[in-house]
Each structure stands twice: as C-alpha cells, then as structure tokens.
Amino acid sequence: MSLSLRGHHLLCVHGFRGMGYSPDFVKKMNEIVEQIRDERSDFPIQVVAALDDTCCTCPHKGKTTCEAGIGSNDHVLTMDLNVIRQLGLIEGAIYNKSFLVQLTAEKVEPDDLDYICKGCSWLSYGVCKEGIADLREKYLKE
C-alpha cells in the first residue's frame, strides 16, 4: 500500500474525530486515519503540496486545486508548506509512515498549530491540538 498526503493532512490525521465536508469525505478520512494510527503497519507516504488521496472524495475538489472558496487553494497550500517546512521534509518525497508519525511527535507542539494552521476552520474545535498532544505523550515518553 502507498498513500499520497498533503502536508497539512499529516497533522489532521492525529486530531481527526469524524467531522468533515461530506459523508464520503469523512468515510475516506476515517480509512486513512485508521491506517496512520495502526502501529502494526508501515507503508510509504508521498508528502505533497497538492490534492492527495484524502481530497478525492472532498466536495470542494476541483480538477487540480481546492475550490472551497476564493483563496482556499492558496490557504491549504500555505498550510501544506508550513508543515513540510516544520518537519524538514522535501515536498514530493516518499517517507515511511512510522518515520512521519515519530517526526511529527518530535517537531510539532500543540501551540505550533496556531501558526501552521492559521485560518483553518477546524482549528477552533481544539481536536487538532488534542491529537498532537496525545501523539507527543505517546511517542515522547521519557
């Protein structure tokens, strides 16, 4: 199995709680989240700043860009690149899931989301910060 994920979706998967843009999107995101959270499986993930495997069921997906509203594609691209930069990744490169999860735990703190995900409509729910906090607690035990 191989997966393509936008930079910002590398963070979303840790806080996802079943909310989404449509029932099909929620179903697809749940599938991806289960794969990411399954500690027994490891697989390659291509990190992109573009439409990814999660976007395929989003009602806002255009041919090549997010069409949720004016400026939405620029906004999601900014979040993608913020995450890629924060994690020190190369856009378009392929990494093992286990490496990406560990790296996220090490390099992203809950309050970093205020900058990385600025303007995201899901940020105010607090689930994203909770997900990152839980991830850090699980992977950074001293």
C-alpha atoms as a PDB file:
ATOM      1  CA  MET A   1       0.000   0.000   0.000  1.00  0.00           C
ATOM      2  CA  SER A   2       1.108   3.519  -0.727  1.00  0.00           C
ATOM      3  CA  LEU A   3      -0.516   6.827   0.111  1.00  0.00           C
ATOM      4  CA  SER A   4      -0.294  10.423  -1.019  1.00  0.00           C
ATOM      5  CA  LEU A   5      -0.907  13.013   1.720  1.00  0.00           C
ATOM      6  CA  ARG A   6      -0.892  16.807   1.687  1.00  0.00           C
ATOM      7  CA  GLY A   7       1.490  18.345   4.189  1.00  0.00           C
ATOM      8  CA  HIS A   8      -1.287  19.610   6.440  1.00  0.00           C
ATOM      9  CA  HIS A   9      -3.100  16.263   6.386  1.00  0.00           C
ATOM     10  CA  LEU A  10      -0.028  14.819   8.142  1.00  0.00           C
ATOM     11  CA  LEU A  11      -1.285  16.761  11.171  1.00  0.00           C
ATOM     12  CA  CYS A  12      -5.042  16.433  10.608  1.00  0.00           C
ATOM     13  CA  VAL A  13      -4.932  12.643  10.898  1.00  0.00           C
ATOM     14  CA  HIS A  14      -3.897  12.859  14.552  1.00  0.00           C
ATOM     15  CA  GLY A  15      -6.796  15.057  15.615  1.00  0.00           C
ATOM     16  CA  PHE A  16      -9.497  13.731  13.301  1.00  0.00           C
ATOM     17  CA  ARG A  17     -12.738  12.947  15.150  1.00  0.00           C
ATOM     18  CA  GLY A  18     -15.205  12.253  12.348  1.00  0.00           C
ATOM     19  CA  MET A  19     -16.034  15.781  11.261  1.00  0.00           C
ATOM     20  CA  GLY A  20     -15.725  16.671   7.611  1.00  0.00           C
ATOM     21  CA  TYR A  21     -17.015  18.228   4.450  1.00  0.00           C
ATOM     22  CA  SER A  22     -19.335  15.391   3.414  1.00  0.00           C
ATOM     23  CA  PRO A  23     -20.193  11.787   4.435  1.00  0.00           C
ATOM     24  CA  ASP A  24     -17.927  10.438   1.664  1.00  0.00           C
ATOM     25  CA  PHE A  25     -15.049  12.643   2.805  1.00  0.00           C
ATOM     26  CA  VAL A  26     -15.485  11.532   6.429  1.00  0.00           C
ATOM     27  CA  LYS A  27     -15.517   7.876   5.346  1.00  0.00           C
ATOM     28  CA  LYS A  28     -12.330   8.264   3.293  1.00  0.00           C
ATOM     29  CA  MET A  29     -10.594  10.268   6.026  1.00  0.00           C
ATOM     30  CA  ASN A  30     -11.559   7.601   8.587  1.00  0.00           C
ATOM     31  CA  GLU A  31      -9.953   4.919   6.399  1.00  0.00           C
ATOM     32  CA  ILE A  32      -6.737   6.906   6.106  1.00  0.00           C
ATOM     33  CA  VAL A  33      -6.705   7.825   9.804  1.00  0.00           C
ATOM     34  CA  GLU A  34      -7.092   4.137  10.768  1.00  0.00           C
ATOM     35  CA  GLN A  35      -4.126   3.246   8.550  1.00  0.00           C
ATOM     36  CA  ILE A  36      -1.978   6.008  10.041  1.00  0.00           C
ATOM     37  CA  ARG A  37      -2.916   5.133  13.626  1.00  0.00           C
ATOM     38  CA  ASP A  38      -2.357   1.370  13.125  1.00  0.00           C
ATOM     39  CA  GLU A  39       1.013   0.830  14.794  1.00  0.00           C
ATOM     40  CA  ARG A  40       1.361  -2.656  13.298  1.00  0.00           C
ATOM     41  CA  SER A  41       1.514  -1.420   9.714  1.00  0.00           C
ATOM     42  CA  ASP A  42       4.112   0.704   7.994  1.00  0.00           C
ATOM     43  CA  PHE A  43       3.911   1.901   4.417  1.00  0.00           C
ATOM     44  CA  PRO A  44       5.247   4.625   2.135  1.00  0.00           C
ATOM     45  CA  ILE A  45       3.613   8.051   2.075  1.00  0.00           C
ATOM     46  CA  GLN A  46       4.348  10.637  -0.572  1.00  0.00           C
ATOM     47  CA  VAL A  47       4.171  14.088   1.007  1.00  0.00           C
ATOM     48  CA  VAL A  48       2.674  16.642  -1.375  1.00  0.00           C
ATOM     49  CA  ALA A  49       1.523  20.246  -1.515  1.00  0.00           C
ATOM     50  CA  ALA A  50      -1.365  19.397  -3.832  1.00  0.00           C
ATOM     51  CA  LEU A  51      -4.528  17.319  -3.974  1.00  0.00           C
ATOM     52  CA  ASP A  52      -3.971  13.953  -2.271  1.00  0.00           C
ATOM     53  CA  ASP A  53      -5.731  10.647  -1.584  1.00  0.00           C
ATOM     54  CA  THR A  54      -7.910  12.317   1.061  1.00  0.00           C
ATOM     55  CA  CYS A  55      -9.067  15.044  -1.341  1.00  0.00           C
ATOM     56  CA  CYS A  56     -10.507  12.534  -3.839  1.00  0.00           C
ATOM     57  CA  THR A  57     -13.872  12.497  -2.027  1.00  0.00           C
ATOM     58  CA  CYS A  58     -13.985  16.155  -0.982  1.00  0.00           C
ATOM     59  CA  PRO A  59     -16.900  18.104  -2.474  1.00  0.00           C
ATOM     60  CA  HIS A  60     -14.557  21.102  -2.913  1.00  0.00           C
ATOM     61  CA  LYS A  61     -12.063  19.219  -5.089  1.00  0.00           C
ATOM     62  CA  GLY A  62     -11.514  20.795  -8.474  1.00  0.00           C
ATOM     63  CA  LYS A  63      -9.517  19.249 -11.304  1.00  0.00           C
ATOM     64  CA  THR A  64      -6.190  20.224  -9.787  1.00  0.00           C
ATOM     65  CA  THR A  65      -6.965  22.545  -6.863  1.00  0.00           C
ATOM     66  CA  CYS A  66      -9.162  23.079  -3.829  1.00  0.00           C
ATOM     67  CA  GLU A  67     -12.203  25.122  -4.828  1.00  0.00           C
ATOM     68  CA  ALA A  68     -13.864  25.622  -1.428  1.00  0.00           C
ATOM     69  CA  GLY A  69     -13.834  29.386  -1.955  1.00  0.00           C
ATOM     70  CA  ILE A  70     -11.795  32.335  -3.102  1.00  0.00           C
ATOM     71  CA  GLY A  71      -8.269  31.915  -1.794  1.00  0.00           C
ATOM     72  CA  SER A  72      -8.910  28.425  -0.410  1.00  0.00           C
ATOM     73  CA  ASN A  73      -6.300  26.722  -2.593  1.00  0.00           C
ATOM     74  CA  ASP A  74      -3.630  29.269  -1.602  1.00  0.00           C
ATOM     75  CA  HIS A  75      -4.610  28.786   2.040  1.00  0.00           C
ATOM     76  CA  VAL A  76      -4.299  24.988   2.009  1.00  0.00           C
ATOM     77  CA  LEU A  77      -1.035  25.209   0.053  1.00  0.00           C
ATOM     78  CA  THR A  78       0.331  27.571   2.712  1.00  0.00           C
ATOM     79  CA  MET A  79      -0.614  25.081   5.439  1.00  0.00           C
ATOM     80  CA  ASP A  80       0.948  22.216   3.435  1.00  0.00           C
ATOM     81  CA  LEU A  81       4.221  24.105   3.027  1.00  0.00           C
ATOM     82  CA  ASN A  82       4.196  25.212   6.690  1.00  0.00           C
ATOM     83  CA  VAL A  83       4.003  21.574   7.791  1.00  0.00           C
ATOM     84  CA  ILE A  84       6.599  20.396   5.291  1.00  0.00           C
ATOM     85  CA  ARG A  85       8.962  23.133   6.489  1.00  0.00           C
ATOM     86  CA  GLN A  86       8.260  22.456  10.199  1.00  0.00           C
ATOM     87  CA  LEU A  87       9.034  18.764   9.721  1.00  0.00           C
ATOM     88  CA  GLY A  88      12.074  19.389   7.499  1.00  0.00           C
ATOM     89  CA  LEU A  89      10.644  17.292   4.666  1.00  0.00           C
ATOM     90  CA  ILE A  90      11.034  17.543   0.904  1.00  0.00           C
ATOM     91  CA  GLU A  91       7.807  18.161  -1.000  1.00  0.00           C
ATOM     92  CA  GLY A  92       7.077  15.228  -3.312  1.00  0.00           C
ATOM     93  CA  ALA A  93       9.402  12.850  -1.457  1.00  0.00           C
ATOM     94  CA  ILE A  94       8.303   9.499  -0.065  1.00  0.00           C
ATOM     95  CA  TYR A  95       8.762   8.568   3.595  1.00  0.00           C
ATOM     96  CA  ASN A  96       7.727   5.648   5.769  1.00  0.00           C
ATOM     97  CA  LYS A  97       4.597   6.284   7.818  1.00  0.00           C
ATOM     98  CA  SER A  98       6.391   5.344  11.056  1.00  0.00           C
ATOM     99  CA  PHE A  99       9.070   7.983  10.394  1.00  0.00           C
ATOM    100  CA  LEU A 100       6.481  10.686   9.678  1.00  0.00           C
ATOM    101  CA  VAL A 101       4.478   9.912  12.820  1.00  0.00           C
ATOM    102  CA  GLN A 102       7.599   9.955  15.018  1.00  0.00           C
ATOM    103  CA  LEU A 103       8.864  13.138  13.355  1.00  0.00           C
ATOM    104  CA  THR A 104       5.506  14.858  13.909  1.00  0.00           C
ATOM    105  CA  ALA A 105       5.591  13.907  17.596  1.00  0.00           C
ATOM    106  CA  GLU A 106       9.113  15.324  17.917  1.00  0.00           C
ATOM    107  CA  LYS A 107       8.767  18.524  15.890  1.00  0.00           C
ATOM    108  CA  VAL A 108       5.183  19.741  16.356  1.00  0.00           C
ATOM    109  CA  GLU A 109       3.737  21.059  19.603  1.00  0.00           C
ATOM    110  CA  PRO A 110       0.015  21.773  20.017  1.00  0.00           C
ATOM    111  CA  ASP A 111       0.513  25.554  20.074  1.00  0.00           C
ATOM    112  CA  ASP A 112       2.502  25.388  16.812  1.00  0.00           C
ATOM    113  CA  LEU A 113      -0.845  24.829  15.090  1.00  0.00           C
ATOM    114  CA  ASP A 114      -1.816  28.444  15.794  1.00  0.00           C
ATOM    115  CA  TYR A 115       0.792  29.433  13.200  1.00  0.00           C
ATOM    116  CA  ILE A 116       0.984  26.342  10.963  1.00  0.00           C
ATOM    117  CA  CYS A 117      -2.796  26.064  10.531  1.00  0.00           C
ATOM    118  CA  LYS A 118      -3.733  29.730  10.902  1.00  0.00           C
ATOM    119  CA  GLY A 119      -7.143  30.376   9.396  1.00  0.00           C
ATOM    120  CA  CYS A 120      -8.200  26.715   9.300  1.00  0.00           C
ATOM    121  CA  SER A 121     -11.891  26.327  10.097  1.00  0.00           C
ATOM    122  CA  TRP A 122     -11.243  23.145  12.109  1.00  0.00           C
ATOM    123  CA  LEU A 123      -8.640  24.696  14.439  1.00  0.00           C
ATOM    124  CA  SER A 124     -11.208  26.301  16.743  1.00  0.00           C
ATOM    125  CA  TYR A 125     -12.662  22.890  17.699  1.00  0.00           C
ATOM    126  CA  GLY A 126      -9.475  22.053  19.595  1.00  0.00           C
ATOM    127  CA  VAL A 127      -9.343  18.453  18.401  1.00  0.00           C
ATOM    128  CA  CYS A 128      -6.206  19.049  16.343  1.00  0.00           C
ATOM    129  CA  LYS A 129      -4.231  20.321  19.326  1.00  0.00           C
ATOM    130  CA  GLU A 130      -5.568  17.429  21.426  1.00  0.00           C
ATOM    131  CA  GLY A 131      -4.446  14.968  18.755  1.00  0.00           C
ATOM    132  CA  ILE A 132      -0.929  16.410  18.627  1.00  0.00           C
ATOM    133  CA  ALA A 133      -0.737  16.474  22.446  1.00  0.00           C
ATOM    134  CA  ASP A 134      -1.812  12.810  22.589  1.00  0.00           C
ATOM    135  CA  LEU A 135       0.706  11.891  19.886  1.00  0.00           C
ATOM    136  CA  ARG A 136       3.536  13.604  21.766  1.00  0.00           C
ATOM    137  CA  GLU A 137       2.544  11.917  25.019  1.00  0.00           C
ATOM    138  CA  LYS A 138       2.538   8.512  23.333  1.00  0.00           C
ATOM    139  CA  TYR A 139       5.809   8.849  21.387  1.00  0.00           C
ATOM    140  CA  LEU A 140       7.932  11.067  23.619  1.00  0.00           C
ATOM    141  CA  LYS A 141       7.746   9.120  26.866  1.00  0.00           C
ATOM    142  CA  GLU A 142      10.940   9.726  28.743  1.00  0.00           C
END
